[in-house]
Amino acid sequence: MKVLRKWRKWEEWFNPLYFPLITAIPIEIWLLILIERNRWTTVELTTFIIAALFLIFSGIVEMSAEETKHRIFGHLYLGSAVIFGSLGYILY
């Protein structure tokens, strides 16, 4: 029973809705700052593409939800994927 109580507290603390917000968006910002200093290597370019695809996937999944909060985050993720993709294309 104690394990289930701890798991319930963990589930309340960690919401998968915020996962792209704390992973993909900071990575994209860091890579955009990095490109101003020098050209991207293939690893950095691949990371940029994967993070953008993750934002697109997360945005599509969240927009299919019925709750308003999920739809707002879906729009945020899709919009940030478009912005980061266009900035990456312009700066690269």
PDB file of N, CA and C in Angstrom:
ATOM      1  N   MET A   1       0.810  -1.196   0.000  1.00  0.00           N
ATOM      2  CA  MET A   1       0.000   0.000   0.000  1.00  0.00           C
ATOM      3  C   MET A   1       0.856   1.263   0.000  1.00  0.00           C
ATOM      4  N   LYS A   2       1.980   1.228   0.690  1.00  0.00           N
ATOM      5  CA  LYS A   2       2.838   2.406   0.737  1.00  0.00           C
ATOM      6  C   LYS A   2       3.401   2.717  -0.642  1.00  0.00           C
ATOM      7  N   VAL A   3       3.686   1.673  -1.403  1.00  0.00           N
ATOM      8  CA  VAL A   3       4.220   1.894  -2.748  1.00  0.00           C
ATOM      9  C   VAL A   3       3.179   2.580  -3.622  1.00  0.00           C
ATOM     10  N   LEU A   4       1.934   2.183  -3.493  1.00  0.00           N
ATOM     11  CA  LEU A   4       0.875   2.808  -4.278  1.00  0.00           C
ATOM     12  C   LEU A   4       0.667   4.267  -3.877  1.00  0.00           C
ATOM     13  N   ARG A   5       0.800   4.560  -2.604  1.00  0.00           N
ATOM     14  CA  ARG A   5       0.667   5.955  -2.155  1.00  0.00           C
ATOM     15  C   ARG A   5       1.799   6.811  -2.707  1.00  0.00           C
ATOM     16  N   LYS A   6       3.008   6.270  -2.700  1.00  0.00           N
ATOM     17  CA  LYS A   6       4.136   7.018  -3.260  1.00  0.00           C
ATOM     18  C   LYS A   6       3.947   7.226  -4.758  1.00  0.00           C
ATOM     19  N   TRP A   7       3.450   6.206  -5.452  1.00  0.00           N
ATOM     20  CA  TRP A   7       3.222   6.331  -6.886  1.00  0.00           C
ATOM     21  C   TRP A   7       2.160   7.381  -7.177  1.00  0.00           C
ATOM     22  N   ARG A   8       1.131   7.431  -6.361  1.00  0.00           N
ATOM     23  CA  ARG A   8       0.074   8.420  -6.549  1.00  0.00           C
ATOM     24  C   ARG A   8       0.634   9.829  -6.368  1.00  0.00           C
ATOM     25  N   LYS A   9       1.482  10.022  -5.381  1.00  0.00           N
ATOM     26  CA  LYS A   9       2.099  11.339  -5.191  1.00  0.00           C
ATOM     27  C   LYS A   9       3.001  11.691  -6.370  1.00  0.00           C
ATOM     28  N   TRP A  10       3.722  10.711  -6.904  1.00  0.00           N
ATOM     29  CA  TRP A  10       4.591  10.948  -8.057  1.00  0.00           C
ATOM     30  C   TRP A  10       3.747  11.342  -9.273  1.00  0.00           C
ATOM     31  N   GLU A  11       2.614  10.708  -9.433  1.00  0.00           N
ATOM     32  CA  GLU A  11       1.750  11.010 -10.561  1.00  0.00           C
ATOM     33  C   GLU A  11       1.180  12.422 -10.463  1.00  0.00           C
ATOM     34  N   GLU A  12       0.898  12.876  -9.269  1.00  0.00           N
ATOM     35  CA  GLU A  12       0.413  14.241  -9.091  1.00  0.00           C
ATOM     36  C   GLU A  12       1.521  15.265  -9.332  1.00  0.00           C
ATOM     37  N   TRP A  13       2.754  14.905  -8.982  1.00  0.00           N
ATOM     38  CA  TRP A  13       3.868  15.832  -9.129  1.00  0.00           C
ATOM     39  C   TRP A  13       4.331  15.931 -10.583  1.00  0.00           C
ATOM     40  N   PHE A  14       4.381  14.807 -11.283  1.00  0.00           N
ATOM     41  CA  PHE A  14       4.878  14.780 -12.653  1.00  0.00           C
ATOM     42  C   PHE A  14       3.716  14.609 -13.619  1.00  0.00           C
ATOM     43  N   ASN A  15       3.445  15.628 -14.380  1.00  0.00           N
ATOM     44  CA  ASN A  15       2.387  15.578 -15.376  1.00  0.00           C
ATOM     45  C   ASN A  15       3.040  15.478 -16.752  1.00  0.00           C
ATOM     46  N   PRO A  16       2.732  14.458 -17.552  1.00  0.00           N
ATOM     47  CA  PRO A  16       3.347  14.312 -18.876  1.00  0.00           C
ATOM     48  C   PRO A  16       3.026  15.470 -19.819  1.00  0.00           C
ATOM     49  N   LEU A  17       2.028  16.255 -19.484  1.00  0.00           N
ATOM     50  CA  LEU A  17       1.686  17.402 -20.315  1.00  0.00           C
ATOM     51  C   LEU A  17       2.831  18.411 -20.380  1.00  0.00           C
ATOM     52  N   TYR A  18       3.584  18.526 -19.295  1.00  0.00           N
ATOM     53  CA  TYR A  18       4.656  19.514 -19.230  1.00  0.00           C
ATOM     54  C   TYR A  18       6.003  18.980 -19.705  1.00  0.00           C
ATOM     55  N   PHE A  19       6.091  17.733 -20.080  1.00  0.00           N
ATOM     56  CA  PHE A  19       7.380  17.131 -20.437  1.00  0.00           C
ATOM     57  C   PHE A  19       8.064  17.836 -21.617  1.00  0.00           C
ATOM     58  N   PRO A  20       7.371  18.131 -22.718  1.00  0.00           N
ATOM     59  CA  PRO A  20       8.046  18.872 -23.797  1.00  0.00           C
ATOM     60  C   PRO A  20       8.449  20.281 -23.396  1.00  0.00           C
ATOM     61  N   LEU A  21       7.710  20.853 -22.461  1.00  0.00           N
ATOM     62  CA  LEU A  21       8.006  22.213 -22.013  1.00  0.00           C
ATOM     63  C   LEU A  21       9.338  22.290 -21.281  1.00  0.00           C
ATOM     64  N   ILE A  22       9.689  21.216 -20.578  1.00  0.00           N
ATOM     65  CA  ILE A  22      10.944  21.235 -19.811  1.00  0.00           C
ATOM     66  C   ILE A  22      12.075  20.487 -20.508  1.00  0.00           C
ATOM     67  N   THR A  23      11.805  19.862 -21.667  1.00  0.00           N
ATOM     68  CA  THR A  23      12.871  19.159 -22.376  1.00  0.00           C
ATOM     69  C   THR A  23      13.130  19.753 -23.753  1.00  0.00           C
ATOM     70  N   ALA A  24      12.152  19.707 -24.632  1.00  0.00           N
ATOM     71  CA  ALA A  24      12.374  20.070 -26.032  1.00  0.00           C
ATOM     72  C   ALA A  24      12.574  21.568 -26.235  1.00  0.00           C
ATOM     73  N   ILE A  25      11.799  22.378 -25.566  1.00  0.00           N
ATOM     74  CA  ILE A  25      11.909  23.826 -25.776  1.00  0.00           C
ATOM     75  C   ILE A  25      13.253  24.378 -25.289  1.00  0.00           C
ATOM     76  N   PRO A  26      13.758  23.988 -24.106  1.00  0.00           N
ATOM     77  CA  PRO A  26      15.107  24.462 -23.739  1.00  0.00           C
ATOM     78  C   PRO A  26      16.208  23.953 -24.673  1.00  0.00           C
ATOM     79  N   ILE A  27      16.062  22.745 -25.192  1.00  0.00           N
ATOM     80  CA  ILE A  27      17.053  22.221 -26.142  1.00  0.00           C
ATOM     81  C   ILE A  27      17.043  23.045 -27.420  1.00  0.00           C
ATOM     82  N   GLU A  28      15.860  23.364 -27.906  1.00  0.00           N
ATOM     83  CA  GLU A  28      15.751  24.174 -29.124  1.00  0.00           C
ATOM     84  C   GLU A  28      16.346  25.569 -28.910  1.00  0.00           C
ATOM     85  N   ILE A  29      16.076  26.176 -27.775  1.00  0.00           N
ATOM     86  CA  ILE A  29      16.630  27.501 -27.481  1.00  0.00           C
ATOM     87  C   ILE A  29      18.155  27.427 -27.394  1.00  0.00           C
ATOM     88  N   TRP A  30      18.663  26.416 -26.728  1.00  0.00           N
ATOM     89  CA  TRP A  30      20.111  26.252 -26.606  1.00  0.00           C
ATOM     90  C   TRP A  30      20.764  26.070 -27.973  1.00  0.00           C
ATOM     91  N   LEU A  31      20.146  25.297 -28.849  1.00  0.00           N
ATOM     92  CA  LEU A  31      20.722  25.083 -30.173  1.00  0.00           C
ATOM     93  C   LEU A  31      20.640  26.339 -31.033  1.00  0.00           C
ATOM     94  N   LEU A  32      19.593  27.141 -30.862  1.00  0.00           N
ATOM     95  CA  LEU A  32      19.537  28.399 -31.604  1.00  0.00           C
ATOM     96  C   LEU A  32      20.592  29.388 -31.126  1.00  0.00           C
ATOM     97  N   ILE A  33      20.878  29.381 -29.838  1.00  0.00           N
ATOM     98  CA  ILE A  33      21.962  30.227 -29.318  1.00  0.00           C
ATOM     99  C   ILE A  33      23.314  29.714 -29.807  1.00  0.00           C
ATOM    100  N   LEU A  34      23.446  28.410 -29.885  1.00  0.00           N
ATOM    101  CA  LEU A  34      24.710  27.799 -30.313  1.00  0.00           C
ATOM    102  C   LEU A  34      25.020  28.087 -31.768  1.00  0.00           C
ATOM    103  N   ILE A  35      24.006  28.197 -32.609  1.00  0.00           N
ATOM    104  CA  ILE A  35      24.255  28.425 -34.033  1.00  0.00           C
ATOM    105  C   ILE A  35      24.798  29.821 -34.310  1.00  0.00           C
ATOM    106  N   GLU A  36      24.571  30.756 -33.410  1.00  0.00           N
ATOM    107  CA  GLU A  36      25.119  32.095 -33.606  1.00  0.00           C
ATOM    108  C   GLU A  36      26.636  32.093 -33.470  1.00  0.00           C
ATOM    109  N   ARG A  37      27.162  31.172 -32.705  1.00  0.00           N
ATOM    110  CA  ARG A  37      28.607  31.127 -32.488  1.00  0.00           C
ATOM    111  C   ARG A  37      29.338  30.388 -33.598  1.00  0.00           C
ATOM    112  N   ASN A  38      28.792  29.279 -34.047  1.00  0.00           N
ATOM    113  CA  ASN A  38      29.436  28.501 -35.103  1.00  0.00           C
ATOM    114  C   ASN A  38      28.398  27.624 -35.800  1.00  0.00           C
ATOM    115  N   ARG A  39      28.809  26.943 -36.837  1.00  0.00           N
ATOM    116  CA  ARG A  39      27.910  26.059 -37.575  1.00  0.00           C
ATOM    117  C   ARG A  39      27.597  24.818 -36.765  1.00  0.00           C
ATOM    118  N   TRP A  40      26.419  24.252 -37.013  1.00  0.00           N
ATOM    119  CA  TRP A  40      26.017  23.026 -36.342  1.00  0.00           C
ATOM    120  C   TRP A  40      26.761  21.833 -36.912  1.00  0.00           C
ATOM    121  N   THR A  41      27.041  20.886 -36.054  1.00  0.00           N
ATOM    122  CA  THR A  41      27.526  19.599 -36.529  1.00  0.00           C
ATOM    123  C   THR A  41      26.315  18.735 -36.857  1.00  0.00           C
ATOM    124  N   THR A  42      26.553  17.546 -37.378  1.00  0.00           N
ATOM    125  CA  THR A  42      25.434  16.678 -37.738  1.00  0.00           C
ATOM    126  C   THR A  42      24.649  16.240 -36.512  1.00  0.00           C
ATOM    127  N   VAL A  43      25.332  16.067 -35.385  1.00  0.00           N
ATOM    128  CA  VAL A  43      24.637  15.679 -34.152  1.00  0.00           C
ATOM    129  C   VAL A  43      23.711  16.795 -33.679  1.00  0.00           C
ATOM    130  N   GLU A  44      24.165  18.016 -33.726  1.00  0.00           N
ATOM    131  CA  GLU A  44      23.338  19.134 -33.294  1.00  0.00           C
ATOM    132  C   GLU A  44      22.156  19.350 -34.234  1.00  0.00           C
ATOM    133  N   LEU A  45      22.363  19.191 -35.538  1.00  0.00           N
ATOM    134  CA  LEU A  45      21.276  19.323 -36.490  1.00  0.00           C
ATOM    135  C   LEU A  45      20.246  18.223 -36.302  1.00  0.00           C
ATOM    136  N   THR A  46      20.704  17.004 -36.072  1.00  0.00           N
ATOM    137  CA  THR A  46      19.786  15.892 -35.827  1.00  0.00           C
ATOM    138  C   THR A  46      19.005  16.106 -34.537  1.00  0.00           C
ATOM    139  N   THR A  47      19.657  16.595 -33.498  1.00  0.00           N
ATOM    140  CA  THR A  47      18.974  16.891 -32.236  1.00  0.00           C
ATOM    141  C   THR A  47      17.915  17.959 -32.426  1.00  0.00           C
ATOM    142  N   PHE A  48      18.236  18.968 -33.224  1.00  0.00           N
ATOM    143  CA  PHE A  48      17.270  20.037 -33.509  1.00  0.00           C
ATOM    144  C   PHE A  48      16.044  19.480 -34.223  1.00  0.00           C
ATOM    145  N   ILE A  49      16.249  18.622 -35.199  1.00  0.00           N
ATOM    146  CA  ILE A  49      15.138  18.038 -35.954  1.00  0.00           C
ATOM    147  C   ILE A  49      14.300  17.123 -35.070  1.00  0.00           C
ATOM    148  N   ILE A  50      14.947  16.295 -34.259  1.00  0.00           N
ATOM    149  CA  ILE A  50      14.218  15.379 -33.377  1.00  0.00           C
ATOM    150  C   ILE A  50      13.394  16.158 -32.352  1.00  0.00           C
ATOM    151  N   ALA A  51      13.960  17.221 -31.789  1.00  0.00           N
ATOM    152  CA  ALA A  51      13.216  18.024 -30.812  1.00  0.00           C
ATOM    153  C   ALA A  51      12.019  18.714 -31.471  1.00  0.00           C
ATOM    154  N   ALA A  52      12.187  19.184 -32.699  1.00  0.00           N
ATOM    155  CA  ALA A  52      11.060  19.805 -33.406  1.00  0.00           C
ATOM    156  C   ALA A  52       9.977  18.771 -33.708  1.00  0.00           C
ATOM    157  N   LEU A  53      10.372  17.582 -34.116  1.00  0.00           N
ATOM    158  CA  LEU A  53       9.388  16.523 -34.362  1.00  0.00           C
ATOM    159  C   LEU A  53       8.679  16.117 -33.077  1.00  0.00           C
ATOM    160  N   PHE A  54       9.399  16.121 -31.966  1.00  0.00           N
ATOM    161  CA  PHE A  54       8.782  15.813 -30.680  1.00  0.00           C
ATOM    162  C   PHE A  54       7.749  16.866 -30.302  1.00  0.00           C
ATOM    163  N   LEU A  55       8.052  18.129 -30.581  1.00  0.00           N
ATOM    164  CA  LEU A  55       7.083  19.187 -30.310  1.00  0.00           C
ATOM    165  C   LEU A  55       5.857  19.051 -31.209  1.00  0.00           C
ATOM    166  N   ILE A  56       6.053  18.676 -32.461  1.00  0.00           N
ATOM    167  CA  ILE A  56       4.923  18.487 -33.364  1.00  0.00           C
ATOM    168  C   ILE A  56       4.056  17.328 -32.895  1.00  0.00           C
ATOM    169  N   PHE A  57       4.690  16.220 -32.551  1.00  0.00           N
ATOM    170  CA  PHE A  57       3.944  15.056 -32.065  1.00  0.00           C
ATOM    171  C   PHE A  57       3.178  15.387 -30.787  1.00  0.00           C
ATOM    172  N   SER A  58       3.840  16.044 -29.850  1.00  0.00           N
ATOM    173  CA  SER A  58       3.182  16.403 -28.589  1.00  0.00           C
ATOM    174  C   SER A  58       2.026  17.363 -28.825  1.00  0.00           C
ATOM    175  N   GLY A  59       2.207  18.310 -29.729  1.00  0.00           N
ATOM    176  CA  GLY A  59       1.141  19.253 -30.029  1.00  0.00           C
ATOM    177  C   GLY A  59      -0.073  18.587 -30.642  1.00  0.00           C
ATOM    178  N   ILE A  60       0.161  17.654 -31.552  1.00  0.00           N
ATOM    179  CA  ILE A  60      -0.963  16.944 -32.180  1.00  0.00           C
ATOM    180  C   ILE A  60      -1.694  16.091 -31.159  1.00  0.00           C
ATOM    181  N   VAL A  61      -0.947  15.405 -30.305  1.00  0.00           N
ATOM    182  CA  VAL A  61      -1.575  14.556 -29.289  1.00  0.00           C
ATOM    183  C   VAL A  61      -2.372  15.400 -28.298  1.00  0.00           C
ATOM    184  N   GLU A  62      -1.825  16.504 -27.873  1.00  0.00           N
ATOM    185  CA  GLU A  62      -2.517  17.339 -26.888  1.00  0.00           C
ATOM    186  C   GLU A  62      -3.732  18.041 -27.489  1.00  0.00           C
ATOM    187  N   MET A  63      -3.691  18.370 -28.758  1.00  0.00           N
ATOM    188  CA  MET A  63      -4.845  19.036 -29.365  1.00  0.00           C
ATOM    189  C   MET A  63      -6.019  18.092 -29.565  1.00  0.00           C
ATOM    190  N   SER A  64      -5.764  16.803 -29.564  1.00  0.00           N
ATOM    191  CA  SER A  64      -6.869  15.856 -29.710  1.00  0.00           C
ATOM    192  C   SER A  64      -7.589  15.598 -28.386  1.00  0.00           C
ATOM    193  N   ALA A  65      -7.067  16.140 -27.293  1.00  0.00           N
ATOM    194  CA  ALA A  65      -7.712  15.971 -25.988  1.00  0.00           C
ATOM    195  C   ALA A  65      -8.933  16.876 -25.890  1.00  0.00           C
ATOM    196  N   GLU A  66      -9.775  16.579 -24.940  1.00  0.00           N
ATOM    197  CA  GLU A  66     -11.005  17.356 -24.776  1.00  0.00           C
ATOM    198  C   GLU A  66     -10.837  18.539 -23.818  1.00  0.00           C
ATOM    199  N   GLU A  67      -9.875  18.484 -22.929  1.00  0.00           N
ATOM    200  CA  GLU A  67      -9.704  19.546 -21.941  1.00  0.00           C
ATOM    201  C   GLU A  67      -9.085  20.786 -22.576  1.00  0.00           C
ATOM    202  N   THR A  68      -9.484  21.934 -22.078  1.00  0.00           N
ATOM    203  CA  THR A  68      -8.992  23.203 -22.607  1.00  0.00           C
ATOM    204  C   THR A  68      -7.502  23.383 -22.341  1.00  0.00           C
ATOM    205  N   LYS A  69      -7.056  22.964 -21.165  1.00  0.00           N
ATOM    206  CA  LYS A  69      -5.647  23.100 -20.804  1.00  0.00           C
ATOM    207  C   LYS A  69      -4.768  22.322 -21.773  1.00  0.00           C
ATOM    208  N   HIS A  70      -5.176  21.124 -22.136  1.00  0.00           N
ATOM    209  CA  HIS A  70      -4.402  20.307 -23.065  1.00  0.00           C
ATOM    210  C   HIS A  70      -4.384  20.938 -24.461  1.00  0.00           C
ATOM    211  N   ARG A  71      -5.493  21.508 -24.866  1.00  0.00           N
ATOM    212  CA  ARG A  71      -5.542  22.154 -26.174  1.00  0.00           C
ATOM    213  C   ARG A  71      -4.644  23.385 -26.219  1.00  0.00           C
ATOM    214  N   ILE A  72      -4.604  24.135 -25.132  1.00  0.00           N
ATOM    215  CA  ILE A  72      -3.734  25.316 -25.082  1.00  0.00           C
ATOM    216  C   ILE A  72      -2.271  24.894 -25.194  1.00  0.00           C
ATOM    217  N   PHE A  73      -1.889  23.856 -24.464  1.00  0.00           N
ATOM    218  CA  PHE A  73      -0.510  23.379 -24.563  1.00  0.00           C
ATOM    219  C   PHE A  73      -0.229  22.774 -25.937  1.00  0.00           C
ATOM    220  N   GLY A  74      -1.228  22.165 -26.555  1.00  0.00           N
ATOM    221  CA  GLY A  74      -1.061  21.660 -27.916  1.00  0.00           C
ATOM    222  C   GLY A  74      -0.755  22.776 -28.893  1.00  0.00           C
ATOM    223  N   HIS A  75      -1.487  23.877 -28.774  1.00  0.00           N
ATOM    224  CA  HIS A  75      -1.211  25.035 -29.623  1.00  0.00           C
ATOM    225  C   HIS A  75       0.165  25.617 -29.320  1.00  0.00           C
ATOM    226  N   LEU A  76       0.524  25.650 -28.056  1.00  0.00           N
ATOM    227  CA  LEU A  76       1.847  26.147 -27.680  1.00  0.00           C
ATOM    228  C   LEU A  76       2.958  25.296 -28.290  1.00  0.00           C
ATOM    229  N   TYR A  77       2.812  23.978 -28.224  1.00  0.00           N
ATOM    230  CA  TYR A  77       3.842  23.086 -28.758  1.00  0.00           C
ATOM    231  C   TYR A  77       3.925  23.166 -30.273  1.00  0.00           C
ATOM    232  N   LEU A  78       2.778  23.197 -30.946  1.00  0.00           N
ATOM    233  CA  LEU A  78       2.808  23.303 -32.409  1.00  0.00           C
ATOM    234  C   LEU A  78       3.335  24.662 -32.860  1.00  0.00           C
ATOM    235  N   GLY A  79       2.934  25.713 -32.172  1.00  0.00           N
ATOM    236  CA  GLY A  79       3.441  27.044 -32.520  1.00  0.00           C
ATOM    237  C   GLY A  79       4.929  27.178 -32.288  1.00  0.00           C
ATOM    238  N   SER A  80       5.413  26.626 -31.188  1.00  0.00           N
ATOM    239  CA  SER A  80       6.851  26.708 -30.929  1.00  0.00           C
ATOM    240  C   SER A  80       7.634  25.857 -31.917  1.00  0.00           C
ATOM    241  N   ALA A  81       7.064  24.742 -32.384  1.00  0.00           N
ATOM    242  CA  ALA A  81       7.746  23.933 -33.400  1.00  0.00           C
ATOM    243  C   ALA A  81       7.882  24.717 -34.705  1.00  0.00           C
ATOM    244  N   VAL A  82       6.840  25.456 -35.070  1.00  0.00           N
ATOM    245  CA  VAL A  82       6.896  26.272 -36.288  1.00  0.00           C
ATOM    246  C   VAL A  82       7.905  27.397 -36.126  1.00  0.00           C
ATOM    247  N   ILE A  83       7.889  28.052 -34.983  1.00  0.00           N
ATOM    248  CA  ILE A  83       8.828  29.158 -34.753  1.00  0.00           C
ATOM    249  C   ILE A  83      10.267  28.670 -34.735  1.00  0.00           C
ATOM    250  N   PHE A  84      10.535  27.592 -33.989  1.00  0.00           N
ATOM    251  CA  PHE A  84      11.899  27.071 -33.932  1.00  0.00           C
ATOM    252  C   PHE A  84      12.352  26.529 -35.290  1.00  0.00           C
ATOM    253  N   GLY A  85      11.458  25.905 -36.013  1.00  0.00           N
ATOM    254  CA  GLY A  85      11.819  25.406 -37.341  1.00  0.00           C
ATOM    255  C   GLY A  85      12.152  26.519 -38.294  1.00  0.00           C
ATOM    256  N   SER A  86      11.371  27.571 -38.276  1.00  0.00           N
ATOM    257  CA  SER A  86      11.654  28.692 -39.184  1.00  0.00           C
ATOM    258  C   SER A  86      12.923  29.451 -38.774  1.00  0.00           C
ATOM    259  N   LEU A  87      13.123  29.634 -37.468  1.00  0.00           N
ATOM    260  CA  LEU A  87      14.357  30.285 -37.020  1.00  0.00           C
ATOM    261  C   LEU A  87      15.590  29.440 -37.330  1.00  0.00           C
ATOM    262  N   GLY A  88      15.469  28.145 -37.157  1.00  0.00           N
ATOM    263  CA  GLY A  88      16.583  27.266 -37.516  1.00  0.00           C
ATOM    264  C   GLY A  88      16.893  27.293 -38.981  1.00  0.00           C
ATOM    265  N   TYR A  89      15.864  27.358 -39.812  1.00  0.00           N
ATOM    266  CA  TYR A  89      16.069  27.437 -41.264  1.00  0.00           C
ATOM    267  C   TYR A  89      16.709  28.771 -41.639  1.00  0.00           C
ATOM    268  N   ILE A  90      16.259  29.854 -41.039  1.00  0.00           N
ATOM    269  CA  ILE A  90      16.806  31.171 -41.363  1.00  0.00           C
ATOM    270  C   ILE A  90      18.257  31.297 -40.895  1.00  0.00           C
ATOM    271  N   LEU A  91      18.537  30.839 -39.679  1.00  0.00           N
ATOM    272  CA  LEU A  91      19.884  31.015 -39.133  1.00  0.00           C
ATOM    273  C   LEU A  91      20.900  30.010 -39.659  1.00  0.00           C
ATOM    274  N   TYR A  92      20.435  28.843 -40.071  1.00  0.00           N
ATOM    275  CA  TYR A  92      21.381  27.828 -40.565  1.00  0.00           C
ATOM    276  C   TYR A  92      21.733  28.133 -41.990  1.00  0.00           C
TER     277      TYR A  92
END
